[in-house]
């Protein structure tokens, strides 16, 4: 069984490309926070879902849930070195919330927010 389920945030905007045969493919990296540290997982999305994610839920900082399978592939760099990458091929991508940039700014830890005492309550 090869099943992966992750929740994380895109580290940059998801990139949408098309194969020579015209198939849409989107790629991005998901930061999955494990409390003390984050893992950065490459994600590949194909077909109509690739276009939907890239156009609607693929912005940097956007929180998503990804389900899919692990895949390894090898390639050769321009200087002739062979590399192997392990990535998630997504079968499902779910929008889970706003991007980190869209969230309300919060006061830093240890900073107390003082209420505005000039506001009058009309009663």
PDB file of N, CA and C in Angstrom:
ATOM      1  N   UNK A   1       0.853  -1.182   0.000  1.00  0.00           N
ATOM      2  CA  UNK A   1       0.000   0.000   0.000  1.00  0.00           C
ATOM      3  C   UNK A   1       0.892   1.236   0.000  1.00  0.00           C
ATOM      4  N   UNK A   2       0.589   2.183  -0.841  1.00  0.00           N
ATOM      5  CA  UNK A   2       1.362   3.410  -0.974  1.00  0.00           C
ATOM      6  C   UNK A   2       0.390   4.584  -0.886  1.00  0.00           C
ATOM      7  N   UNK A   3       0.146   5.060   0.334  1.00  0.00           N
ATOM      8  CA  UNK A   3      -0.800   6.150   0.560  1.00  0.00           C
ATOM      9  C   UNK A   3      -0.157   7.201   1.452  1.00  0.00           C
ATOM     10  N   UNK A   4      -0.305   8.457   1.065  1.00  0.00           N
ATOM     11  CA  UNK A   4       0.246   9.577   1.824  1.00  0.00           C
ATOM     12  C   UNK A   4      -0.856  10.595   2.058  1.00  0.00           C
ATOM     13  N   UNK A   5      -0.959  11.092   3.298  1.00  0.00           N
ATOM     14  CA  UNK A   5      -1.884  12.178   3.642  1.00  0.00           C
ATOM     15  C   UNK A   5      -1.097  13.232   4.405  1.00  0.00           C
ATOM     16  N   UNK A   6      -1.112  14.455   3.916  1.00  0.00           N
ATOM     17  CA  UNK A   6      -0.352  15.539   4.531  1.00  0.00           C
ATOM     18  C   UNK A   6      -1.215  16.784   4.664  1.00  0.00           C
ATOM     19  N   UNK A   7      -0.926  17.566   5.694  1.00  0.00           N
ATOM     20  CA  UNK A   7      -1.502  18.903   5.835  1.00  0.00           C
ATOM     21  C   UNK A   7      -0.332  19.855   5.987  1.00  0.00           C
ATOM     22  N   UNK A   8      -0.330  20.902   5.183  1.00  0.00           N
ATOM     23  CA  UNK A   8       0.752  21.864   5.258  1.00  0.00           C
ATOM     24  C   UNK A   8       0.422  23.121   4.481  1.00  0.00           C
ATOM     25  N   UNK A   9       1.449  23.946   4.281  1.00  0.00           N
ATOM     26  CA  UNK A   9       1.296  25.207   3.548  1.00  0.00           C
ATOM     27  C   UNK A   9       2.281  25.226   2.380  1.00  0.00           C
ATOM     28  N   UNK A  10       1.816  25.784   1.258  1.00  0.00           N
ATOM     29  CA  UNK A  10       2.698  25.915   0.096  1.00  0.00           C
ATOM     30  C   UNK A  10       3.841  26.865   0.444  1.00  0.00           C
ATOM     31  N   UNK A  11       5.063  26.502   0.074  1.00  0.00           N
ATOM     32  CA  UNK A  11       6.221  27.355   0.356  1.00  0.00           C
ATOM     33  C   UNK A  11       6.371  28.482  -0.661  1.00  0.00           C
ATOM     34  N   UNK A  12       5.756  28.338  -1.815  1.00  0.00           N
ATOM     35  CA  UNK A  12       5.736  29.361  -2.875  1.00  0.00           C
ATOM     36  C   UNK A  12       4.513  29.077  -3.731  1.00  0.00           C
ATOM     37  N   UNK A  13       4.193  29.964  -4.637  1.00  0.00           N
ATOM     38  CA  UNK A  13       3.056  29.721  -5.526  1.00  0.00           C
ATOM     39  C   UNK A  13       3.285  28.435  -6.328  1.00  0.00           C
ATOM     40  N   UNK A  14       2.234  27.647  -6.463  1.00  0.00           N
ATOM     41  CA  UNK A  14       2.296  26.420  -7.255  1.00  0.00           C
ATOM     42  C   UNK A  14       2.510  26.800  -8.719  1.00  0.00           C
ATOM     43  N   UNK A  15       3.393  26.073  -9.395  1.00  0.00           N
ATOM     44  CA  UNK A  15       3.728  26.370 -10.793  1.00  0.00           C
ATOM     45  C   UNK A  15       2.945  25.446 -11.722  1.00  0.00           C
ATOM     46  N   UNK A  16       2.227  26.031 -12.658  1.00  0.00           N
ATOM     47  CA  UNK A  16       1.452  25.274 -13.640  1.00  0.00           C
ATOM     48  C   UNK A  16       2.194  25.261 -14.970  1.00  0.00           C
ATOM     49  N   UNK A  17       2.380  24.057 -15.528  1.00  0.00           N
ATOM     50  CA  UNK A  17       3.009  23.891 -16.837  1.00  0.00           C
ATOM     51  C   UNK A  17       2.154  22.929 -17.657  1.00  0.00           C
ATOM     52  N   UNK A  18       2.546  22.740 -18.892  1.00  0.00           N
ATOM     53  CA  UNK A  18       1.874  21.782 -19.767  1.00  0.00           C
ATOM     54  C   UNK A  18       2.926  20.892 -20.411  1.00  0.00           C
ATOM     55  N   UNK A  19       2.634  19.598 -20.467  1.00  0.00           N
ATOM     56  CA  UNK A  19       3.539  18.660 -21.130  1.00  0.00           C
ATOM     57  C   UNK A  19       3.494  18.921 -22.636  1.00  0.00           C
ATOM     58  N   UNK A  20       4.445  18.368 -23.400  1.00  0.00           N
ATOM     59  CA  UNK A  20       4.402  18.551 -24.858  1.00  0.00           C
ATOM     60  C   UNK A  20       3.085  18.084 -25.486  1.00  0.00           C
ATOM     61  N   UNK A  21       2.416  17.119 -24.845  1.00  0.00           N
ATOM     62  CA  UNK A  21       1.134  16.647 -25.384  1.00  0.00           C
ATOM     63  C   UNK A  21      -0.052  17.478 -24.893  1.00  0.00           C
ATOM     64  N   UNK A  22       0.232  18.526 -24.082  1.00  0.00           N
ATOM     65  CA  UNK A  22      -0.825  19.428 -23.635  1.00  0.00           C
ATOM     66  C   UNK A  22      -1.448  19.094 -22.295  1.00  0.00           C
ATOM     67  N   UNK A  23      -0.905  18.100 -21.581  1.00  0.00           N
ATOM     68  CA  UNK A  23      -1.436  17.721 -20.267  1.00  0.00           C
ATOM     69  C   UNK A  23      -1.002  18.736 -19.213  1.00  0.00           C
ATOM     70  N   UNK A  24      -1.949  19.270 -18.412  1.00  0.00           N
ATOM     71  CA  UNK A  24      -1.555  20.187 -17.348  1.00  0.00           C
ATOM     72  C   UNK A  24      -0.897  19.437 -16.187  1.00  0.00           C
ATOM     73  N   UNK A  25       0.163  20.030 -15.647  1.00  0.00           N
ATOM     74  CA  UNK A  25       0.846  19.492 -14.473  1.00  0.00           C
ATOM     75  C   UNK A  25       1.263  20.668 -13.597  1.00  0.00           C
ATOM     76  N   UNK A  26       0.959  20.568 -12.309  1.00  0.00           N
ATOM     77  CA  UNK A  26       1.329  21.612 -11.355  1.00  0.00           C
ATOM     78  C   UNK A  26       2.308  21.027 -10.351  1.00  0.00           C
ATOM     79  N   UNK A  27       3.282  21.831  -9.956  1.00  0.00           N
ATOM     80  CA  UNK A  27       4.257  21.388  -8.969  1.00  0.00           C
ATOM     81  C   UNK A  27       4.400  22.441  -7.888  1.00  0.00           C
ATOM     82  N   UNK A  28       4.646  21.971  -6.684  1.00  0.00           N
ATOM     83  CA  UNK A  28       4.855  22.865  -5.561  1.00  0.00           C
ATOM     84  C   UNK A  28       5.513  22.113  -4.427  1.00  0.00           C
ATOM     85  N   UNK A  29       5.885  22.840  -3.408  1.00  0.00           N
ATOM     86  CA  UNK A  29       6.484  22.233  -2.225  1.00  0.00           C
ATOM     87  C   UNK A  29       5.619  22.566  -1.029  1.00  0.00           C
ATOM     88  N   UNK A  30       5.285  21.536  -0.265  1.00  0.00           N
ATOM     89  CA  UNK A  30       4.435  21.679   0.908  1.00  0.00           C
ATOM     90  C   UNK A  30       5.302  21.647   2.160  1.00  0.00           C
ATOM     91  N   UNK A  31       5.182  22.670   3.014  1.00  0.00           N
ATOM     92  CA  UNK A  31       5.859  22.681   4.310  1.00  0.00           C
ATOM     93  C   UNK A  31       4.924  22.033   5.317  1.00  0.00           C
ATOM     94  N   UNK A  32       5.356  20.895   5.858  1.00  0.00           N
ATOM     95  CA  UNK A  32       4.556  20.148   6.820  1.00  0.00           C
ATOM     96  C   UNK A  32       5.213  20.315   8.177  1.00  0.00           C
ATOM     97  N   UNK A  33       4.542  21.033   9.074  1.00  0.00           N
ATOM     98  CA  UNK A  33       5.089  21.351  10.384  1.00  0.00           C
ATOM     99  C   UNK A  33       4.859  20.194  11.343  1.00  0.00           C
ATOM    100  N   UNK A  34       5.931  19.776  12.012  1.00  0.00           N
ATOM    101  CA  UNK A  34       5.855  18.678  12.971  1.00  0.00           C
ATOM    102  C   UNK A  34       6.111  19.192  14.386  1.00  0.00           C
ATOM    103  N   UNK A  35       5.767  20.422  14.651  1.00  0.00           N
ATOM    104  CA  UNK A  35       5.980  20.995  15.976  1.00  0.00           C
ATOM    105  C   UNK A  35       7.351  21.633  16.091  1.00  0.00           C
ATOM    106  N   UNK A  36       8.405  20.810  16.188  1.00  0.00           N
ATOM    107  CA  UNK A  36       9.765  21.317  16.356  1.00  0.00           C
ATOM    108  C   UNK A  36      10.423  21.714  15.041  1.00  0.00           C
ATOM    109  N   UNK A  37       9.998  21.079  13.958  1.00  0.00           N
ATOM    110  CA  UNK A  37      10.636  21.341  12.665  1.00  0.00           C
ATOM    111  C   UNK A  37       9.623  21.145  11.551  1.00  0.00           C
ATOM    112  N   UNK A  38      10.003  21.547  10.359  1.00  0.00           N
ATOM    113  CA  UNK A  38       9.128  21.367   9.192  1.00  0.00           C
ATOM    114  C   UNK A  38       9.833  20.483   8.173  1.00  0.00           C
ATOM    115  N   UNK A  39       9.053  19.648   7.506  1.00  0.00           N
ATOM    116  CA  UNK A  39       9.548  18.874   6.373  1.00  0.00           C
ATOM    117  C   UNK A  39       9.021  19.540   5.109  1.00  0.00           C
ATOM    118  N   UNK A  40       9.830  19.550   4.073  1.00  0.00           N
ATOM    119  CA  UNK A  40       9.456  20.181   2.812  1.00  0.00           C
ATOM    120  C   UNK A  40       9.282  19.081   1.769  1.00  0.00           C
ATOM    121  N   UNK A  41       8.042  18.895   1.337  1.00  0.00           N
ATOM    122  CA  UNK A  41       7.676  17.757   0.500  1.00  0.00           C
ATOM    123  C   UNK A  41       7.274  18.237  -0.896  1.00  0.00           C
ATOM    124  N   UNK A  42       7.977  17.777  -1.941  1.00  0.00           N
ATOM    125  CA  UNK A  42       7.573  18.120  -3.307  1.00  0.00           C
ATOM    126  C   UNK A  42       6.255  17.423  -3.663  1.00  0.00           C
ATOM    127  N   UNK A  43       5.365  18.154  -4.326  1.00  0.00           N
ATOM    128  CA  UNK A  43       4.048  17.629  -4.703  1.00  0.00           C
ATOM    129  C   UNK A  43       3.839  17.864  -6.199  1.00  0.00           C
ATOM    130  N   UNK A  44       3.310  16.844  -6.878  1.00  0.00           N
ATOM    131  CA  UNK A  44       2.978  16.924  -8.303  1.00  0.00           C
ATOM    132  C   UNK A  44       1.483  16.674  -8.446  1.00  0.00           C
ATOM    133  N   UNK A  45       0.806  17.526  -9.217  1.00  0.00           N
ATOM    134  CA  UNK A  45      -0.645  17.425  -9.418  1.00  0.00           C
ATOM    135  C   UNK A  45      -0.895  17.419 -10.927  1.00  0.00           C
ATOM    136  N   UNK A  46      -1.754  16.500 -11.397  1.00  0.00           N
ATOM    137  CA  UNK A  46      -1.993  16.336 -12.826  1.00  0.00           C
ATOM    138  C   UNK A  46      -3.406  16.710 -13.235  1.00  0.00           C
ATOM    139  N   UNK A  47      -3.554  16.957 -14.534  1.00  0.00           N
ATOM    140  CA  UNK A  47      -4.837  17.120 -15.224  1.00  0.00           C
ATOM    141  C   UNK A  47      -5.634  18.340 -14.737  1.00  0.00           C
ATOM    142  N   UNK A  48      -6.967  18.211 -14.690  1.00  0.00           N
ATOM    143  CA  UNK A  48      -7.845  19.330 -14.321  1.00  0.00           C
ATOM    144  C   UNK A  48      -7.564  19.829 -12.912  1.00  0.00           C
ATOM    145  N   UNK A  49      -7.229  18.893 -12.012  1.00  0.00           N
ATOM    146  CA  UNK A  49      -6.933  19.291 -10.639  1.00  0.00           C
ATOM    147  C   UNK A  49      -5.701  20.196 -10.588  1.00  0.00           C
ATOM    148  N   UNK A  50      -4.746  19.978 -11.477  1.00  0.00           N
ATOM    149  CA  UNK A  50      -3.552  20.825 -11.531  1.00  0.00           C
ATOM    150  C   UNK A  50      -3.937  22.272 -11.819  1.00  0.00           C
ATOM    151  N   UNK A  51      -4.813  22.461 -12.792  1.00  0.00           N
ATOM    152  CA  UNK A  51      -5.254  23.817 -13.132  1.00  0.00           C
ATOM    153  C   UNK A  51      -6.061  24.435 -12.001  1.00  0.00           C
ATOM    154  N   UNK A  52      -6.937  23.663 -11.379  1.00  0.00           N
ATOM    155  CA  UNK A  52      -7.764  24.185 -10.285  1.00  0.00           C
ATOM    156  C   UNK A  52      -6.903  24.610  -9.103  1.00  0.00           C
ATOM    157  N   UNK A  53      -5.939  23.776  -8.730  1.00  0.00           N
ATOM    158  CA  UNK A  53      -5.076  24.111  -7.592  1.00  0.00           C
ATOM    159  C   UNK A  53      -4.229  25.333  -7.916  1.00  0.00           C
ATOM    160  N   UNK A  54      -3.600  25.343  -9.076  1.00  0.00           N
ATOM    161  CA  UNK A  54      -2.734  26.466  -9.438  1.00  0.00           C
ATOM    162  C   UNK A  54      -3.505  27.778  -9.511  1.00  0.00           C
ATOM    163  N   UNK A  55      -4.745  27.733  -9.973  1.00  0.00           N
ATOM    164  CA  UNK A  55      -5.529  28.956 -10.139  1.00  0.00           C
ATOM    165  C   UNK A  55      -6.286  29.396  -8.891  1.00  0.00           C
ATOM    166  N   UNK A  56      -6.519  28.490  -7.935  1.00  0.00           N
ATOM    167  CA  UNK A  56      -7.361  28.849  -6.794  1.00  0.00           C
ATOM    168  C   UNK A  56      -6.741  28.588  -5.423  1.00  0.00           C
ATOM    169  N   UNK A  57      -6.003  27.514  -5.248  1.00  0.00           N
ATOM    170  CA  UNK A  57      -5.509  27.159  -3.915  1.00  0.00           C
ATOM    171  C   UNK A  57      -4.002  26.954  -3.887  1.00  0.00           C
ATOM    172  N   UNK A  58      -3.309  27.528  -4.837  1.00  0.00           N
ATOM    173  CA  UNK A  58      -1.880  27.289  -4.944  1.00  0.00           C
ATOM    174  C   UNK A  58      -1.010  28.471  -4.598  1.00  0.00           C
ATOM    175  N   UNK A  59      -1.479  29.354  -3.754  1.00  0.00           N
ATOM    176  CA  UNK A  59      -0.702  30.540  -3.392  1.00  0.00           C
ATOM    177  C   UNK A  59       0.203  30.259  -2.197  1.00  0.00           C
ATOM    178  N   UNK A  60       1.345  30.901  -2.184  1.00  0.00           N
ATOM    179  CA  UNK A  60       2.294  30.757  -1.086  1.00  0.00           C
ATOM    180  C   UNK A  60       1.585  30.992   0.248  1.00  0.00           C
ATOM    181  N   UNK A  61       1.798  30.081   1.199  1.00  0.00           N
ATOM    182  CA  UNK A  61       1.207  30.201   2.528  1.00  0.00           C
ATOM    183  C   UNK A  61      -0.164  29.573   2.658  1.00  0.00           C
ATOM    184  N   UNK A  62      -0.795  29.191   1.543  1.00  0.00           N
ATOM    185  CA  UNK A  62      -2.128  28.587   1.566  1.00  0.00           C
ATOM    186  C   UNK A  62      -2.066  27.218   2.241  1.00  0.00           C
ATOM    187  N   UNK A  63      -2.936  26.986   3.217  1.00  0.00           N
ATOM    188  CA  UNK A  63      -2.984  25.688   3.888  1.00  0.00           C
ATOM    189  C   UNK A  63      -3.863  24.725   3.098  1.00  0.00           C
ATOM    190  N   UNK A  64      -3.320  23.534   2.830  1.00  0.00           N
ATOM    191  CA  UNK A  64      -4.043  22.513   2.074  1.00  0.00           C
ATOM    192  C   UNK A  64      -3.796  21.138   2.686  1.00  0.00           C
ATOM    193  N   UNK A  65      -4.709  20.229   2.386  1.00  0.00           N
ATOM    194  CA  UNK A  65      -4.521  18.823   2.686  1.00  0.00           C
ATOM    195  C   UNK A  65      -4.263  18.108   1.372  1.00  0.00           C
ATOM    196  N   UNK A  66      -3.263  17.252   1.343  1.00  0.00           N
ATOM    197  CA  UNK A  66      -2.903  16.528   0.127  1.00  0.00           C
ATOM    198  C   UNK A  66      -2.950  15.031   0.412  1.00  0.00           C
ATOM    199  N   UNK A  67      -3.650  14.302  -0.440  1.00  0.00           N
ATOM    200  CA  UNK A  67      -3.658  12.838  -0.399  1.00  0.00           C
ATOM    201  C   UNK A  67      -3.096  12.345  -1.718  1.00  0.00           C
ATOM    202  N   UNK A  68      -2.317  11.281  -1.652  1.00  0.00           N
ATOM    203  CA  UNK A  68      -1.743  10.742  -2.877  1.00  0.00           C
ATOM    204  C   UNK A  68      -0.838   9.574  -2.594  1.00  0.00           C
ATOM    205  N   UNK A  69       0.185   9.436  -3.441  1.00  0.00           N
ATOM    206  CA  UNK A  69       1.126   8.327  -3.300  1.00  0.00           C
ATOM    207  C   UNK A  69       2.548   8.847  -3.482  1.00  0.00           C
ATOM    208  N   UNK A  70       3.510   8.149  -2.879  1.00  0.00           N
ATOM    209  CA  UNK A  70       4.907   8.494  -3.052  1.00  0.00           C
ATOM    210  C   UNK A  70       5.417   7.930  -4.367  1.00  0.00           C
ATOM    211  N   UNK A  71       6.277   8.705  -5.008  1.00  0.00           N
ATOM    212  CA  UNK A  71       6.891   8.266  -6.258  1.00  0.00           C
ATOM    213  C   UNK A  71       8.341   8.724  -6.247  1.00  0.00           C
ATOM    214  N   UNK A  72       9.236   7.880  -6.696  1.00  0.00           N
ATOM    215  CA  UNK A  72      10.623   8.310  -6.867  1.00  0.00           C
ATOM    216  C   UNK A  72      10.915   8.368  -8.359  1.00  0.00           C
ATOM    217  N   UNK A  73      11.736   9.322  -8.734  1.00  0.00           N
ATOM    218  CA  UNK A  73      12.152   9.434 -10.131  1.00  0.00           C
ATOM    219  C   UNK A  73      13.585   9.942 -10.162  1.00  0.00           C
ATOM    220  N   UNK A  74      14.276   9.580 -11.199  1.00  0.00           N
ATOM    221  CA  UNK A  74      15.673   9.978 -11.362  1.00  0.00           C
ATOM    222  C   UNK A  74      15.809  10.888 -12.570  1.00  0.00           C
ATOM    223  N   UNK A  75      16.795  11.762 -12.500  1.00  0.00           N
ATOM    224  CA  UNK A  75      17.100  12.640 -13.621  1.00  0.00           C
ATOM    225  C   UNK A  75      18.581  12.982 -13.576  1.00  0.00           C
ATOM    226  N   UNK A  76      19.097  13.506 -14.654  1.00  0.00           N
ATOM    227  CA  UNK A  76      20.496  13.900 -14.742  1.00  0.00           C
ATOM    228  C   UNK A  76      20.568  15.417 -14.845  1.00  0.00           C
ATOM    229  N   UNK A  77      21.398  16.024 -14.003  1.00  0.00           N
ATOM    230  CA  UNK A  77      21.555  17.477 -14.010  1.00  0.00           C
ATOM    231  C   UNK A  77      22.337  17.901 -15.248  1.00  0.00           C
ATOM    232  N   UNK A  78      22.388  19.204 -15.489  1.00  0.00           N
ATOM    233  CA  UNK A  78      23.101  19.724 -16.658  1.00  0.00           C
ATOM    234  C   UNK A  78      24.595  19.416 -16.605  1.00  0.00           C
ATOM    235  N   UNK A  79      25.137  19.271 -15.378  1.00  0.00           N
ATOM    236  CA  UNK A  79      26.561  18.945 -15.274  1.00  0.00           C
ATOM    237  C   UNK A  79      26.813  17.434 -15.185  1.00  0.00           C
ATOM    238  N   UNK A  80      25.789  16.619 -15.510  1.00  0.00           N
ATOM    239  CA  UNK A  80      25.969  15.178 -15.630  1.00  0.00           C
ATOM    240  C   UNK A  80      25.772  14.357 -14.364  1.00  0.00           C
ATOM    241  N   UNK A  81      25.363  14.985 -13.267  1.00  0.00           N
ATOM    242  CA  UNK A  81      25.149  14.245 -12.024  1.00  0.00           C
ATOM    243  C   UNK A  81      23.754  13.636 -12.003  1.00  0.00           C
ATOM    244  N   UNK A  82      23.684  12.371 -11.568  1.00  0.00           N
ATOM    245  CA  UNK A  82      22.394  11.701 -11.483  1.00  0.00           C
ATOM    246  C   UNK A  82      21.768  12.017 -10.122  1.00  0.00           C
ATOM    247  N   UNK A  83      20.511  12.404 -10.134  1.00  0.00           N
ATOM    248  CA  UNK A  83      19.770  12.750  -8.915  1.00  0.00           C
ATOM    249  C   UNK A  83      18.495  11.925  -8.843  1.00  0.00           C
ATOM    250  N   UNK A  84      18.060  11.650  -7.620  1.00  0.00           N
ATOM    251  CA  UNK A  84      16.781  10.980  -7.391  1.00  0.00           C
ATOM    252  C   UNK A  84      15.958  11.853  -6.467  1.00  0.00           C
ATOM    253  N   UNK A  85      14.693  12.008  -6.777  1.00  0.00           N
ATOM    254  CA  UNK A  85      13.792  12.801  -5.950  1.00  0.00           C
ATOM    255  C   UNK A  85      12.596  11.929  -5.576  1.00  0.00           C
ATOM    256  N   UNK A  86      12.148  12.080  -4.340  1.00  0.00           N
ATOM    257  CA  UNK A  86      10.921  11.420  -3.889  1.00  0.00           C
ATOM    258  C   UNK A  86       9.877  12.511  -3.741  1.00  0.00           C
ATOM    259  N   UNK A  87       8.716  12.307  -4.359  1.00  0.00           N
ATOM    260  CA  UNK A  87       7.667  13.322  -4.358  1.00  0.00           C
ATOM    261  C   UNK A  87       6.312  12.662  -4.154  1.00  0.00           C
ATOM    262  N   UNK A  88       5.329  13.471  -3.794  1.00  0.00           N
ATOM    263  CA  UNK A  88       3.958  12.995  -3.661  1.00  0.00           C
ATOM    264  C   UNK A  88       3.223  13.315  -4.955  1.00  0.00           C
ATOM    265  N   UNK A  89       2.624  12.294  -5.550  1.00  0.00           N
ATOM    266  CA  UNK A  89       1.746  12.497  -6.702  1.00  0.00           C
ATOM    267  C   UNK A  89       0.338  12.585  -6.123  1.00  0.00           C
ATOM    268  N   UNK A  90      -0.241  13.772  -6.166  1.00  0.00           N
ATOM    269  CA  UNK A  90      -1.517  14.031  -5.497  1.00  0.00           C
ATOM    270  C   UNK A  90      -2.685  13.444  -6.272  1.00  0.00           C
ATOM    271  N   UNK A  91      -3.565  12.790  -5.536  1.00  0.00           N
ATOM    272  CA  UNK A  91      -4.837  12.360  -6.120  1.00  0.00           C
ATOM    273  C   UNK A  91      -5.959  13.270  -5.635  1.00  0.00           C
ATOM    274  N   UNK A  92      -5.684  13.998  -4.537  1.00  0.00           N
ATOM    275  CA  UNK A  92      -6.686  14.917  -3.987  1.00  0.00           C
ATOM    276  C   UNK A  92      -5.974  16.054  -3.255  1.00  0.00           C
ATOM    277  N   UNK A  93      -6.430  17.270  -3.494  1.00  0.00           N
ATOM    278  CA  UNK A  93      -5.917  18.450  -2.793  1.00  0.00           C
ATOM    279  C   UNK A  93      -7.117  19.208  -2.263  1.00  0.00           C
ATOM    280  N   UNK A  94      -7.127  19.442  -0.951  1.00  0.00           N
ATOM    281  CA  UNK A  94      -8.252  20.139  -0.309  1.00  0.00           C
ATOM    282  C   UNK A  94      -7.807  21.472   0.266  1.00  0.00           C
ATOM    283  N   UNK A  95      -8.591  22.493   0.025  1.00  0.00           N
ATOM    284  CA  UNK A  95      -8.398  23.819   0.597  1.00  0.00           C
ATOM    285  C   UNK A  95      -8.786  23.758   2.077  1.00  0.00           C
ATOM    286  N   UNK A  96      -7.902  24.182   2.978  1.00  0.00           N
ATOM    287  CA  UNK A  96      -8.194  24.089   4.412  1.00  0.00           C
ATOM    288  C   UNK A  96      -8.314  25.425   5.118  1.00  0.00           C
ATOM    289  N   UNK A  97      -7.880  26.495   4.521  1.00  0.00           N
ATOM    290  CA  UNK A  97      -7.980  27.781   5.194  1.00  0.00           C
ATOM    291  C   UNK A  97      -7.263  28.853   4.411  1.00  0.00           C
ATOM    292  N   UNK A  98      -7.240  30.025   4.982  1.00  0.00           N
ATOM    293  CA  UNK A  98      -6.619  31.159   4.308  1.00  0.00           C
ATOM    294  C   UNK A  98      -5.106  31.018   4.319  1.00  0.00           C
ATOM    295  N   UNK A  99      -4.461  31.776   3.469  1.00  0.00           N
ATOM    296  CA  UNK A  99      -3.004  31.764   3.448  1.00  0.00           C
ATOM    297  C   UNK A  99      -2.484  32.502   4.665  1.00  0.00           C
ATOM    298  N   UNK A 100      -1.236  32.266   4.982  1.00  0.00           N
ATOM    299  CA  UNK A 100      -0.629  32.914   6.142  1.00  0.00           C
ATOM    300  C   UNK A 100      -0.662  34.433   5.989  1.00  0.00           C
ATOM    301  N   UNK A 101      -0.535  34.943   4.748  1.00  0.00           N
ATOM    302  CA  UNK A 101      -0.543  36.385   4.530  1.00  0.00           C
ATOM    303  C   UNK A 101      -1.928  36.986   4.720  1.00  0.00           C
ATOM    304  N   UNK A 102      -2.989  36.185   4.547  1.00  0.00           N
ATOM    305  CA  UNK A 102      -4.348  36.708   4.650  1.00  0.00           C
ATOM    306  C   UNK A 102      -4.872  36.718   6.079  1.00  0.00           C
ATOM    307  N   UNK A 103      -4.165  36.064   6.999  1.00  0.00           N
ATOM    308  CA  UNK A 103      -4.639  36.003   8.368  1.00  0.00           C
ATOM    309  C   UNK A 103      -4.456  37.350   9.053  1.00  0.00           C
ATOM    310  N   UNK A 104      -5.296  37.594  10.053  1.00  0.00           N
ATOM    311  CA  UNK A 104      -5.201  38.824  10.827  1.00  0.00           C
ATOM    312  C   UNK A 104      -3.837  38.899  11.502  1.00  0.00           C
ATOM    313  N   UNK A 105      -3.188  40.048  11.504  1.00  0.00           N
ATOM    314  CA  UNK A 105      -1.922  40.156  12.218  1.00  0.00           C
ATOM    315  C   UNK A 105      -2.157  39.977  13.712  1.00  0.00           C
ATOM    316  N   UNK A 106      -1.238  39.274  14.353  1.00  0.00           N
ATOM    317  CA  UNK A 106      -1.367  39.030  15.780  1.00  0.00           C
ATOM    318  C   UNK A 106      -0.242  39.736  16.507  1.00  0.00           C
ATOM    319  N   UNK A 107      -0.485  40.057  17.769  1.00  0.00           N
ATOM    320  CA  UNK A 107       0.549  40.678  18.582  1.00  0.00           C
ATOM    321  C   UNK A 107       1.631  39.638  18.865  1.00  0.00           C
ATOM    322  N   UNK A 108       2.905  40.046  18.868  1.00  0.00           N
ATOM    323  CA  UNK A 108       3.969  39.094  19.164  1.00  0.00           C
ATOM    324  C   UNK A 108       3.814  38.533  20.572  1.00  0.00           C
ATOM    325  N   UNK A 109       4.374  37.355  20.798  1.00  0.00           N
ATOM    326  CA  UNK A 109       4.308  36.734  22.119  1.00  0.00           C
ATOM    327  C   UNK A 109       4.920  37.677  23.148  1.00  0.00           C
ATOM    328  N   UNK A 110       4.310  37.764  24.293  1.00  0.00           N
ATOM    329  CA  UNK A 110       4.814  38.606  25.362  1.00  0.00           C
ATOM    330  C   UNK A 110       4.389  40.056  25.245  1.00  0.00           C
ATOM    331  N   UNK A 111       3.686  40.416  24.226  1.00  0.00           N
ATOM    332  CA  UNK A 111       3.205  41.778  24.050  1.00  0.00           C
ATOM    333  C   UNK A 111       1.735  41.823  24.408  1.00  0.00           C
ATOM    334  N   UNK A 112       1.388  42.701  25.296  1.00  0.00           N
ATOM    335  CA  UNK A 112       0.000  42.820  25.713  1.00  0.00           C
ATOM    336  C   UNK A 112      -0.700  43.853  24.842  1.00  0.00           C
ATOM    337  N   UNK A 113      -1.865  43.518  24.354  1.00  0.00           N
ATOM    338  CA  UNK A 113      -2.643  44.443  23.545  1.00  0.00           C
ATOM    339  C   UNK A 113      -3.533  45.245  24.478  1.00  0.00           C
ATOM    340  N   UNK A 114      -3.403  46.578  24.427  1.00  0.00           N
ATOM    341  CA  UNK A 114      -4.187  47.458  25.284  1.00  0.00           C
ATOM    342  C   UNK A 114      -5.481  47.846  24.584  1.00  0.00           C
ATOM    343  N   UNK A 115      -6.620  47.768  25.279  1.00  0.00           N
ATOM    344  CA  UNK A 115      -7.875  48.192  24.655  1.00  0.00           C
ATOM    345  C   UNK A 115      -7.879  49.698  24.429  1.00  0.00           C
ATOM    346  N   UNK A 116      -8.592  50.131  23.408  1.00  0.00           N
ATOM    347  CA  UNK A 116      -8.733  51.545  23.109  1.00  0.00           C
ATOM    348  C   UNK A 116      -9.748  52.125  24.081  1.00  0.00           C
ATOM    349  N   UNK A 117      -9.282  52.947  25.031  1.00  0.00           N
ATOM    350  CA  UNK A 117     -10.161  53.470  26.072  1.00  0.00           C
ATOM    351  C   UNK A 117     -10.972  54.668  25.607  1.00  0.00           C
ATOM    352  N   UNK A 118     -10.734  55.152  24.380  1.00  0.00           N
ATOM    353  CA  UNK A 118     -11.492  56.284  23.871  1.00  0.00           C
ATOM    354  C   UNK A 118     -12.838  55.866  23.288  1.00  0.00           C
ATOM    355  N   UNK A 119     -13.051  54.574  23.104  1.00  0.00           N
ATOM    356  CA  UNK A 119     -14.319  54.096  22.547  1.00  0.00           C
ATOM    357  C   UNK A 119     -15.405  54.176  23.608  1.00  0.00           C
ATOM    358  N   UNK A 120     -16.512  54.830  23.271  1.00  0.00           N
ATOM    359  CA  UNK A 120     -17.654  54.898  24.178  1.00  0.00           C
ATOM    360  C   UNK A 120     -18.670  53.855  23.765  1.00  0.00           C
ATOM    361  N   UNK A 121     -19.189  53.118  24.734  1.00  0.00           N
ATOM    362  CA  UNK A 121     -20.235  52.143  24.471  1.00  0.00           C
ATOM    363  C   UNK A 121     -21.560  52.862  24.648  1.00  0.00           C
ATOM    364  N   UNK A 122     -22.409  52.895  23.604  1.00  0.00           N
ATOM    365  CA  UNK A 122     -23.634  53.699  23.670  1.00  0.00           C
ATOM    366  C   UNK A 122     -24.774  52.992  24.394  1.00  0.00           C
ATOM    367  N   UNK A 123     -24.734  52.862  25.750  1.00  0.00           N
ATOM    368  CA  UNK A 123     -25.900  52.466  26.524  1.00  0.00           C
ATOM    369  C   UNK A 123     -25.859  53.008  27.892  1.00  0.00           C
TER     370      UNK A 123
END
